[in-house]
N, C-alpha and C. Protein backbone atom coordinates (compact mmCIF):
# COMPACT_ATOMS: atom_id res chain seq x y z
N UNK A 1 10.63 -45.13 43.07
CA UNK A 1 10.42 -45.02 41.70
C UNK A 1 8.85 -45.48 41.50
N UNK A 2 8.26 -46.42 42.27
CA UNK A 2 6.99 -46.65 41.91
C UNK A 2 6.03 -45.49 42.47
N UNK A 3 6.56 -44.62 43.48
CA UNK A 3 5.89 -43.68 43.80
C UNK A 3 5.83 -42.94 42.87
N UNK A 4 6.73 -42.35 42.00
CA UNK A 4 6.60 -41.19 40.99
C UNK A 4 5.81 -41.73 40.00
N UNK A 5 5.88 -42.64 39.32
CA UNK A 5 4.96 -43.53 38.55
C UNK A 5 3.76 -43.38 38.78
N UNK A 6 3.17 -43.68 39.81
CA UNK A 6 1.76 -43.34 40.39
C UNK A 6 1.13 -42.16 40.17
N UNK A 7 2.23 -41.03 40.41
CA UNK A 7 1.66 -39.58 40.66
C UNK A 7 1.73 -39.11 39.60
N UNK A 8 2.32 -39.54 38.43
CA UNK A 8 2.14 -39.20 36.86
C UNK A 8 1.12 -39.87 36.30
N UNK A 9 0.65 -41.08 36.69
CA UNK A 9 -0.28 -41.40 36.12
C UNK A 9 -1.54 -40.92 36.73
N UNK A 10 -1.90 -40.23 37.75
CA UNK A 10 -2.77 -39.53 38.19
C UNK A 10 -2.79 -38.08 37.68
N UNK A 11 -1.55 -37.59 37.65
CA UNK A 11 -1.47 -36.24 37.08
C UNK A 11 -1.93 -35.91 35.49
N UNK A 12 -1.44 -37.12 34.97
CA UNK A 12 -1.69 -37.12 33.42
C UNK A 12 -2.86 -36.69 32.95
N UNK A 13 -4.07 -37.42 33.53
CA UNK A 13 -5.16 -37.42 33.05
C UNK A 13 -5.92 -35.72 33.41
N UNK A 14 -5.69 -35.63 34.79
CA UNK A 14 -5.93 -33.89 35.09
C UNK A 14 -5.62 -33.00 34.26
N UNK A 15 -4.10 -32.96 34.07
CA UNK A 15 -3.59 -32.11 33.00
C UNK A 15 -4.22 -32.21 31.59
N UNK A 16 -4.55 -33.29 31.05
CA UNK A 16 -5.10 -33.40 29.77
C UNK A 16 -6.71 -32.80 30.14
N UNK A 17 -7.25 -32.95 31.17
CA UNK A 17 -9.11 -32.77 31.21
C UNK A 17 -8.41 -30.83 31.29
N UNK A 18 -7.88 -30.50 31.97
CA UNK A 18 -7.78 -29.22 32.13
C UNK A 18 -7.57 -28.33 30.93
N UNK A 19 -6.17 -28.85 30.14
CA UNK A 19 -6.00 -28.36 28.96
C UNK A 19 -6.91 -28.77 27.46
N UNK A 20 -7.95 -29.81 27.67
CA UNK A 20 -8.82 -30.30 26.88
C UNK A 20 -10.08 -28.79 26.81
N UNK A 21 -10.41 -28.66 28.44
CA UNK A 21 -11.00 -27.63 28.40
C UNK A 21 -11.12 -26.61 28.26
N UNK A 22 -9.67 -25.83 28.29
CA UNK A 22 -9.45 -24.66 27.90
C UNK A 22 -9.15 -24.63 26.43
N UNK A 23 -8.68 -25.90 25.54
CA UNK A 23 -9.07 -25.30 24.03
C UNK A 23 -10.50 -25.32 23.57
N UNK A 24 -11.32 -26.64 24.46
CA UNK A 24 -12.45 -26.47 23.99
C UNK A 24 -13.46 -24.90 24.19
N UNK A 25 -12.98 -24.08 25.15
CA UNK A 25 -13.72 -22.83 25.40
C UNK A 25 -13.03 -21.90 24.31
N UNK A 26 -11.96 -22.01 24.28
CA UNK A 26 -11.04 -21.13 23.07
C UNK A 26 -11.73 -21.50 21.60
N UNK A 27 -12.02 -22.65 21.15
CA UNK A 27 -12.25 -22.40 19.57
C UNK A 27 -14.22 -22.41 19.77
N UNK A 28 -14.68 -22.83 20.78
CA UNK A 28 -16.10 -22.55 20.90
C UNK A 28 -16.56 -21.21 20.93
N UNK A 29 -15.55 -20.28 21.50
CA UNK A 29 -15.69 -18.77 21.30
C UNK A 29 -15.57 -18.34 19.86
N UNK A 30 -14.79 -19.16 19.25
CA UNK A 30 -14.36 -18.64 17.75
C UNK A 30 -15.21 -18.92 16.49
N UNK A 31 -16.01 -20.12 16.99
CA UNK A 31 -17.10 -20.92 16.20
C UNK A 31 -18.13 -20.81 16.22
N UNK A 32 -18.50 -20.21 17.04
CA UNK A 32 -20.33 -20.01 17.63
C UNK A 32 -20.37 -18.58 16.78
N UNK A 33 -22.24 -18.50 17.03
CA UNK A 33 -22.76 -17.11 16.00
C UNK A 33 -22.82 -16.06 17.35
N UNK A 34 -22.20 -14.74 17.07
CA UNK A 34 -22.79 -14.10 18.28
C UNK A 34 -24.19 -13.95 18.50
N UNK A 35 -24.40 -13.67 20.11
CA UNK A 35 -25.89 -13.50 20.46
C UNK A 35 -26.58 -11.93 20.69
N UNK A 36 -27.46 -11.73 20.10
CA UNK A 36 -27.60 -10.14 20.14
C UNK A 36 -28.92 -10.19 21.26
N UNK A 37 -29.02 -8.93 21.89
CA UNK A 37 -29.91 -8.80 22.94
C UNK A 37 -30.98 -8.35 21.93
N UNK A 38 -32.64 -9.08 22.08
CA UNK A 38 -33.68 -8.40 21.31
C UNK A 38 -34.41 -7.52 22.52
N UNK A 39 -34.74 -6.36 21.54
CA UNK A 39 -35.28 -5.12 22.15
C UNK A 39 -36.69 -5.39 21.93
N UNK A 40 -37.58 -5.41 23.33
CA UNK A 40 -39.10 -5.67 23.38
C UNK A 40 -39.73 -4.37 22.57
N UNK A 41 -40.62 -4.50 21.56
CA UNK A 41 -41.53 -3.07 21.13
C UNK A 41 -42.60 -3.04 21.91
N UNK A 42 -42.59 -3.62 23.11
CA UNK A 42 -43.94 -2.98 23.34
C UNK A 42 -44.51 -1.70 24.26
N UNK A 43 -43.07 -0.73 24.24
CA UNK A 43 -43.53 0.31 24.54
C UNK A 43 -44.33 1.46 23.47
N UNK A 44 -45.07 2.02 24.14
CA UNK A 44 -45.96 2.81 23.12
C UNK A 44 -45.72 4.21 23.55
N UNK A 45 -45.74 5.26 22.80
CA UNK A 45 -45.71 6.87 23.22
C UNK A 45 -46.67 7.36 22.54
N UNK A 46 -47.89 7.98 23.57
CA UNK A 46 -48.80 9.22 22.89
C UNK A 46 -47.92 10.43 22.68
N UNK A 47 -48.39 10.88 21.53
CA UNK A 47 -47.92 12.02 20.99
C UNK A 47 -48.44 13.25 21.94
N UNK A 48 -49.82 13.16 22.71
CA UNK A 48 -50.23 14.27 23.10
C UNK A 48 -49.49 14.43 24.37
N UNK A 49 -48.93 13.48 24.89
CA UNK A 49 -48.02 13.88 26.27
C UNK A 49 -46.91 14.44 26.31
N UNK A 50 -46.32 14.79 24.96
CA UNK A 50 -45.21 15.29 24.52
C UNK A 50 -45.04 16.57 24.96
N UNK A 51 -44.61 17.27 25.94
CA UNK A 51 -44.36 18.66 25.81
C UNK A 51 -43.12 19.35 25.38
N UNK A 52 -43.77 20.38 24.37
CA UNK A 52 -42.44 21.20 24.00
C UNK A 52 -41.48 21.66 24.64
N UNK A 53 -40.14 21.82 24.92
CA UNK A 53 -38.90 22.35 25.50
C UNK A 53 -39.07 23.90 25.18
N UNK A 54 -39.09 24.48 26.21
CA UNK A 54 -38.87 26.02 26.02
C UNK A 54 -37.65 26.50 26.50
N UNK A 55 -37.06 27.45 25.84
CA UNK A 55 -35.98 27.76 26.33
C UNK A 55 -34.96 29.06 25.70
N UNK A 56 -34.33 29.89 26.33
CA UNK A 56 -33.94 31.25 25.61
C UNK A 56 -32.33 31.42 25.66
N UNK A 57 -31.93 31.63 25.16
CA UNK A 57 -30.61 32.05 24.90
C UNK A 57 -30.12 33.53 25.30
N UNK A 58 -29.54 33.98 26.52
CA UNK A 58 -28.74 35.14 26.93
C UNK A 58 -27.50 35.18 26.91
N UNK A 59 -26.95 35.84 25.43
CA UNK A 59 -25.96 36.10 25.13
C UNK A 59 -25.26 37.49 25.26
N UNK A 60 -25.54 37.85 26.80
CA UNK A 60 -24.87 39.73 26.98
C UNK A 60 -23.76 39.55 27.31
N UNK A 61 -22.96 38.33 26.78
CA UNK A 61 -21.60 38.44 27.64
C UNK A 61 -20.31 38.98 26.50
N UNK A 62 -19.40 39.22 26.99
CA UNK A 62 -18.55 39.82 26.12
C UNK A 62 -17.69 39.06 25.20
N UNK A 63 -17.46 39.72 23.83
CA UNK A 63 -16.60 38.52 22.96
C UNK A 63 -15.24 38.62 23.15
N UNK A 64 -14.98 37.13 23.40
CA UNK A 64 -13.77 36.86 23.95
C UNK A 64 -12.65 37.38 22.92
N UNK A 65 -12.99 37.74 21.11
CA UNK A 65 -12.34 37.55 20.41
C UNK A 65 -12.18 39.21 19.97
N UNK A 66 -13.24 40.05 20.63
CA UNK A 66 -13.28 41.72 20.30
C UNK A 66 -12.17 42.46 21.52
N UNK A 67 -11.91 41.72 22.46
CA UNK A 67 -11.20 42.26 23.39
C UNK A 67 -12.22 43.21 24.23
N UNK A 68 -11.93 44.61 24.43
CA UNK A 68 -12.55 45.72 25.29
C UNK A 68 -13.25 46.14 24.48
N UNK A 69 -13.50 46.01 23.03
CA UNK A 69 -14.84 46.64 22.11
C UNK A 69 -15.98 46.57 22.66
N UNK A 70 -17.10 47.92 22.37
CA UNK A 70 -18.37 47.40 22.77
C UNK A 70 -18.82 47.16 21.36
N UNK A 71 -19.87 46.07 21.74
CA UNK A 71 -20.72 45.71 20.48
C UNK A 71 -21.74 46.64 20.46
N UNK A 72 -21.90 47.20 19.10
CA UNK A 72 -23.58 48.05 19.23
C UNK A 72 -24.53 47.27 18.26
N UNK A 73 -25.44 47.18 19.01
CA UNK A 73 -26.81 46.20 18.74
C UNK A 73 -27.55 47.27 18.04
N UNK A 74 -28.27 46.73 16.38
CA UNK A 74 -28.54 47.63 15.64
C UNK A 74 -29.88 46.90 15.72
N UNK A 75 -31.07 47.67 15.29
CA UNK A 75 -32.80 47.05 15.09
C UNK A 75 -32.97 48.39 13.94
N UNK A 76 -33.86 47.56 13.48
CA UNK A 76 -34.80 48.82 12.29
C UNK A 76 -35.16 49.99 12.83
N UNK A 77 -35.32 50.02 14.17
CA UNK A 77 -35.93 51.66 14.74
C UNK A 77 -34.63 52.01 14.73
N UNK A 78 -33.61 51.60 15.26
CA UNK A 78 -32.38 52.55 15.29
C UNK A 78 -31.69 53.44 13.98
N UNK A 79 -32.46 52.43 12.97
CA UNK A 79 -31.81 53.19 11.67
C UNK A 79 -32.37 54.47 11.65
N UNK A 80 -33.79 54.59 11.80
CA UNK A 80 -34.70 55.35 11.95
C UNK A 80 -33.82 56.83 12.81
N UNK A 81 -33.70 56.47 14.04
CA UNK A 81 -33.04 57.99 14.75
C UNK A 81 -31.71 58.00 14.32
N UNK A 82 -31.08 57.00 13.59
CA UNK A 82 -29.38 57.51 13.58
C UNK A 82 -29.81 58.38 11.85
N UNK A 83 -30.93 58.44 11.24
CA UNK A 83 -31.07 59.58 10.04
C UNK A 83 -31.77 60.79 10.71
N UNK A 84 -32.40 60.86 11.79
CA UNK A 84 -32.62 61.93 12.39
C UNK A 84 -31.31 62.61 13.11
N UNK A 85 -30.21 62.00 13.41
CA UNK A 85 -29.18 62.40 13.93
C UNK A 85 -27.91 62.88 13.21
N UNK A 86 -28.18 62.53 12.03
CA UNK A 86 -27.49 63.01 10.82
C UNK A 86 -27.53 64.47 10.42
N UNK A 87 -29.34 64.79 10.61
CA UNK A 87 -29.37 66.15 10.31
C UNK A 87 -28.85 67.14 11.14
N UNK A 88 -28.98 66.68 12.31
CA UNK A 88 -28.36 67.47 13.55
C UNK A 88 -26.95 67.90 13.70
N UNK A 89 -25.98 69.48 13.91
CA UNK A 89 -25.13 69.18 13.66
C UNK A 89 -24.17 68.81 15.26
N UNK A 90 -23.39 68.07 15.19
CA UNK A 90 -22.56 67.50 16.09
C UNK A 90 -21.54 68.73 16.78
N UNK A 91 -21.17 69.04 18.15
CA UNK A 91 -20.54 69.50 18.65
C UNK A 91 -18.95 69.13 18.90
N UNK A 92 -18.31 69.67 18.63
CA UNK A 92 -16.76 69.31 18.63
C UNK A 92 -16.23 69.29 20.11
N UNK A 93 -15.87 68.20 20.67
CA UNK A 93 -15.41 68.34 21.83
C UNK A 93 -14.28 68.28 22.24
N UNK A 94 -13.21 68.94 22.96
CA UNK A 94 -11.80 68.61 22.65
C UNK A 94 -11.36 67.46 23.66
N UNK A 95 -10.44 66.82 22.63
CA UNK A 95 -9.89 65.34 23.29
C UNK A 95 -9.12 65.63 24.51
N UNK A 96 -9.75 64.97 25.73
CA UNK A 96 -9.16 64.78 27.30
C UNK A 96 -8.23 64.17 27.41
N UNK A 97 -7.39 64.23 28.39
CA UNK A 97 -6.79 63.29 28.32
C UNK A 97 -7.24 62.22 29.16
N UNK A 98 -6.85 61.16 29.05
CA UNK A 98 -7.63 59.77 29.75
C UNK A 98 -6.68 59.72 31.48
N UNK A 99 -7.44 58.96 32.12
CA UNK A 99 -6.97 59.08 33.54
C UNK A 99 -6.27 57.96 33.52
N UNK A 100 -5.43 57.79 34.75
CA UNK A 100 -4.46 56.57 35.24
C UNK A 100 -5.59 55.67 35.19
N UNK A 101 -5.04 54.55 34.71
CA UNK A 101 -5.90 53.17 35.20
C UNK A 101 -6.00 52.92 36.71
N UNK A 102 -6.52 51.85 37.35
CA UNK A 102 -6.60 51.40 38.19
C UNK A 102 -5.35 50.82 38.75
N UNK A 103 -4.20 50.72 39.53
CA UNK A 103 -3.25 50.51 39.34
C UNK A 103 -2.66 50.11 41.06
N UNK A 104 -1.94 48.91 41.10
CA UNK A 104 -1.50 48.20 42.23
C UNK A 104 -0.30 47.43 42.26
N UNK A 105 0.57 47.72 42.82
CA UNK A 105 1.86 46.86 42.64
C UNK A 105 1.94 46.03 43.79
N UNK A 106 2.27 44.75 43.10
CA UNK A 106 1.74 43.61 44.21
C UNK A 106 3.56 43.03 44.64
N UNK A 107 4.13 43.09 43.83
CA UNK A 107 5.51 42.71 44.12
C UNK A 107 6.83 42.64 43.12
N UNK A 108 7.98 41.98 43.45
CA UNK A 108 9.02 41.77 42.23
C UNK A 108 9.27 40.32 42.32
N UNK A 109 9.88 39.80 41.23
CA UNK A 109 10.65 38.74 40.85
C UNK A 109 11.61 38.60 40.33
N UNK A 110 12.56 38.61 41.01
CA UNK A 110 13.99 38.47 40.57
C UNK A 110 15.06 37.25 40.13
N UNK A 111 15.61 37.45 39.06
CA UNK A 111 16.30 36.14 38.67
C UNK A 111 17.64 36.49 38.92
N UNK A 112 18.32 35.43 39.79
CA UNK A 112 19.52 35.58 40.48
C UNK A 112 20.46 35.16 39.28
N UNK A 113 20.42 34.84 38.38
CA UNK A 113 21.33 34.33 37.15
C UNK A 113 21.62 35.48 36.52
N UNK A 114 20.30 35.60 35.80
CA UNK A 114 20.46 36.68 35.02
C UNK A 114 20.15 38.38 35.04
N UNK A 115 20.15 38.44 36.53
CA UNK A 115 19.47 39.62 36.93
C UNK A 115 18.41 40.41 36.48
N UNK A 116 17.28 39.88 35.75
CA UNK A 116 16.17 40.48 35.30
C UNK A 116 15.29 40.32 36.47
N UNK A 117 14.41 41.51 36.68
CA UNK A 117 13.33 41.78 37.32
C UNK A 117 12.19 41.86 36.82
N UNK A 118 11.05 41.18 37.36
CA UNK A 118 9.79 41.25 36.85
C UNK A 118 8.83 41.49 37.82
N UNK A 119 7.76 42.72 37.64
CA UNK A 119 7.24 42.90 38.50
C UNK A 119 5.58 42.37 38.41
N UNK A 120 5.21 42.34 39.34
CA UNK A 120 3.46 42.19 39.53
C UNK A 120 2.76 43.45 39.73
N UNK A 121 1.99 43.48 38.88
CA UNK A 121 1.08 44.53 38.67
C UNK A 121 -0.32 44.40 38.51
N UNK A 122 -1.29 45.09 39.29
CA UNK A 122 -2.71 44.94 39.08
C UNK A 122 -2.92 46.28 38.26
N UNK A 123 -3.56 45.52 37.03
CA UNK A 123 -3.90 47.20 35.93
C UNK A 123 -5.44 46.70 35.49
N UNK A 124 -6.04 47.89 36.25
CA UNK A 124 -8.11 47.61 36.45
C UNK A 124 -8.38 46.33 36.81
N UNK A 125 -7.74 45.62 37.66
CA UNK A 125 -8.34 44.46 38.33
C UNK A 125 -7.50 43.08 37.83
N UNK A 126 -6.42 43.41 36.65
CA UNK A 126 -6.09 42.03 36.08
C UNK A 126 -4.59 42.01 36.51
N UNK A 127 -4.16 41.36 37.10
CA UNK A 127 -3.09 40.79 37.27
C UNK A 127 -2.19 40.60 36.13
N UNK A 128 -0.77 41.32 36.15
CA UNK A 128 0.07 40.92 34.80
C UNK A 128 1.62 40.88 35.62
N UNK A 129 2.35 40.41 34.79
CA UNK A 129 3.84 40.03 34.79
C UNK A 129 4.57 41.62 34.19
N UNK A 130 5.16 42.31 34.41
CA UNK A 130 5.80 43.43 33.37
C UNK A 130 7.24 43.38 33.62
N UNK A 131 8.01 43.85 32.79
CA UNK A 131 9.12 43.94 32.39
C UNK A 131 9.52 45.69 32.61
N UNK A 132 11.00 45.81 32.72
CA UNK A 132 11.35 47.23 32.67
C UNK A 132 11.25 47.84 31.23
N UNK A 133 10.48 49.05 30.79
CA UNK A 133 10.65 49.50 29.39
C UNK A 133 9.45 48.83 28.83
N UNK A 134 8.45 48.02 29.61
CA UNK A 134 7.27 47.35 29.01
C UNK A 134 6.14 48.45 28.92
N UNK A 135 5.14 48.23 27.94
CA UNK A 135 4.05 49.30 27.61
C UNK A 135 2.69 48.32 28.05
N UNK A 136 1.80 48.59 28.83
CA UNK A 136 0.73 48.06 29.12
C UNK A 136 -0.72 48.96 29.45
N UNK A 137 -1.54 48.91 28.34
CA UNK A 137 -2.66 49.85 28.79
C UNK A 137 -2.19 51.25 28.78
N UNK A 138 -1.08 51.66 27.75
CA UNK A 138 -0.49 52.88 27.58
C UNK A 138 0.34 53.35 29.06
N UNK A 139 0.46 52.33 29.81
CA UNK A 139 1.47 52.47 30.75
C UNK A 139 2.90 52.29 30.51
N UNK A 140 3.99 52.58 30.78
CA UNK A 140 5.20 52.39 30.77
C UNK A 140 5.98 52.27 32.09
N UNK A 141 6.33 51.32 31.81
CA UNK A 141 7.13 50.66 33.09
C UNK A 141 8.85 51.09 33.03
N UNK A 142 8.71 52.06 34.02
CA UNK A 142 10.33 52.81 34.05
C UNK A 142 11.57 52.27 34.66
N UNK A 143 10.74 51.53 35.96
CA UNK A 143 11.96 50.96 36.92
C UNK A 143 11.07 49.89 37.72
N UNK A 144 12.10 48.96 38.04
CA UNK A 144 11.04 47.98 38.95
C UNK A 144 12.22 47.58 40.38
N UNK A 145 11.55 47.92 41.20
CA UNK A 145 12.13 47.62 42.35
C UNK A 145 11.49 46.91 43.30
N UNK A 146 12.25 46.29 44.86
CA UNK A 146 11.52 45.52 45.45
C UNK A 146 10.51 46.26 46.36
N UNK A 147 10.59 47.14 46.58
CA UNK A 147 9.58 48.25 47.27
C UNK A 147 8.44 48.84 46.47
N UNK A 148 9.03 49.75 45.12
CA UNK A 148 8.16 50.42 44.41
C UNK A 148 8.41 49.83 43.06
N UNK A 149 7.40 50.82 42.27
CA UNK A 149 7.76 50.51 41.09
C UNK A 149 7.46 52.10 40.00
N UNK A 150 8.58 52.42 39.19
CA UNK A 150 8.06 53.62 38.75
C UNK A 150 7.35 53.61 37.26
N UNK A 151 6.26 54.13 37.30
CA UNK A 151 5.83 54.12 35.68
C UNK A 151 5.55 55.41 34.92
N UNK A 152 5.09 55.16 33.88
CA UNK A 152 4.75 56.78 33.18
C UNK A 152 3.56 56.67 32.28
N UNK A 153 2.53 57.43 32.38
CA UNK A 153 1.58 57.81 31.62
C UNK A 153 0.94 59.02 31.00
N UNK A 154 1.18 59.19 29.30
CA UNK A 154 1.13 60.27 28.95
C UNK A 154 1.97 61.27 29.62
N UNK A 155 3.11 61.37 29.60
CA UNK A 155 4.33 62.34 30.07
C UNK A 155 4.33 62.53 31.56
N UNK A 156 3.60 61.88 32.63
CA UNK A 156 3.45 62.08 33.70
C UNK A 156 3.79 60.87 34.44
N UNK A 157 4.90 60.75 34.93
CA UNK A 157 5.30 60.22 36.05
C UNK A 157 4.85 59.92 37.56
N UNK A 158 4.77 58.48 37.71
CA UNK A 158 4.21 57.98 39.21
C UNK A 158 4.86 56.71 39.74
N UNK A 159 4.89 56.52 41.31
CA UNK A 159 5.88 56.14 41.61
C UNK A 159 4.90 55.06 42.64
N UNK A 160 4.67 53.76 42.74
CA UNK A 160 3.49 53.18 43.22
C UNK A 160 4.27 52.25 44.56
N UNK A 161 4.38 52.71 45.53
CA UNK A 161 4.65 51.46 46.40
C UNK A 161 4.21 50.62 47.12
N UNK A 162 4.76 49.26 47.51
CA UNK A 162 4.20 47.80 47.49
C UNK A 162 2.88 48.05 48.64
């Protein structure tokens, strides 16, 4: 019992000192005024040494909102040439049939539960997922098989092998 009293008398002041330090730090943080960094204003800038930044914007890319439409740029000179073109009669050319787009059959994905088939078709360099009886770029998908796909374009049928 004597040993326990000795430990209590030694530990009690140590615990009081630690908790006293914690409360002192806590209250001094909230009661002190903030310290702001002071900026030195010894820096001088010579306006003659500043060079103007020159750049140009090259905006000759396709507008993502217009799709495949081409943008016609008009200027003051082109309006004069358009007036002279209006005076000349235009020749009427017969409407020719469109050519088949560049097509490549990549393969088929089949859902075993619903038996639905989806084909992977590359049309003019763009891979697309197509279903049967779907129309993309005036091309109608008639049949999708594991090894081939059957397409129709302007009443002309074509079969592409994988």
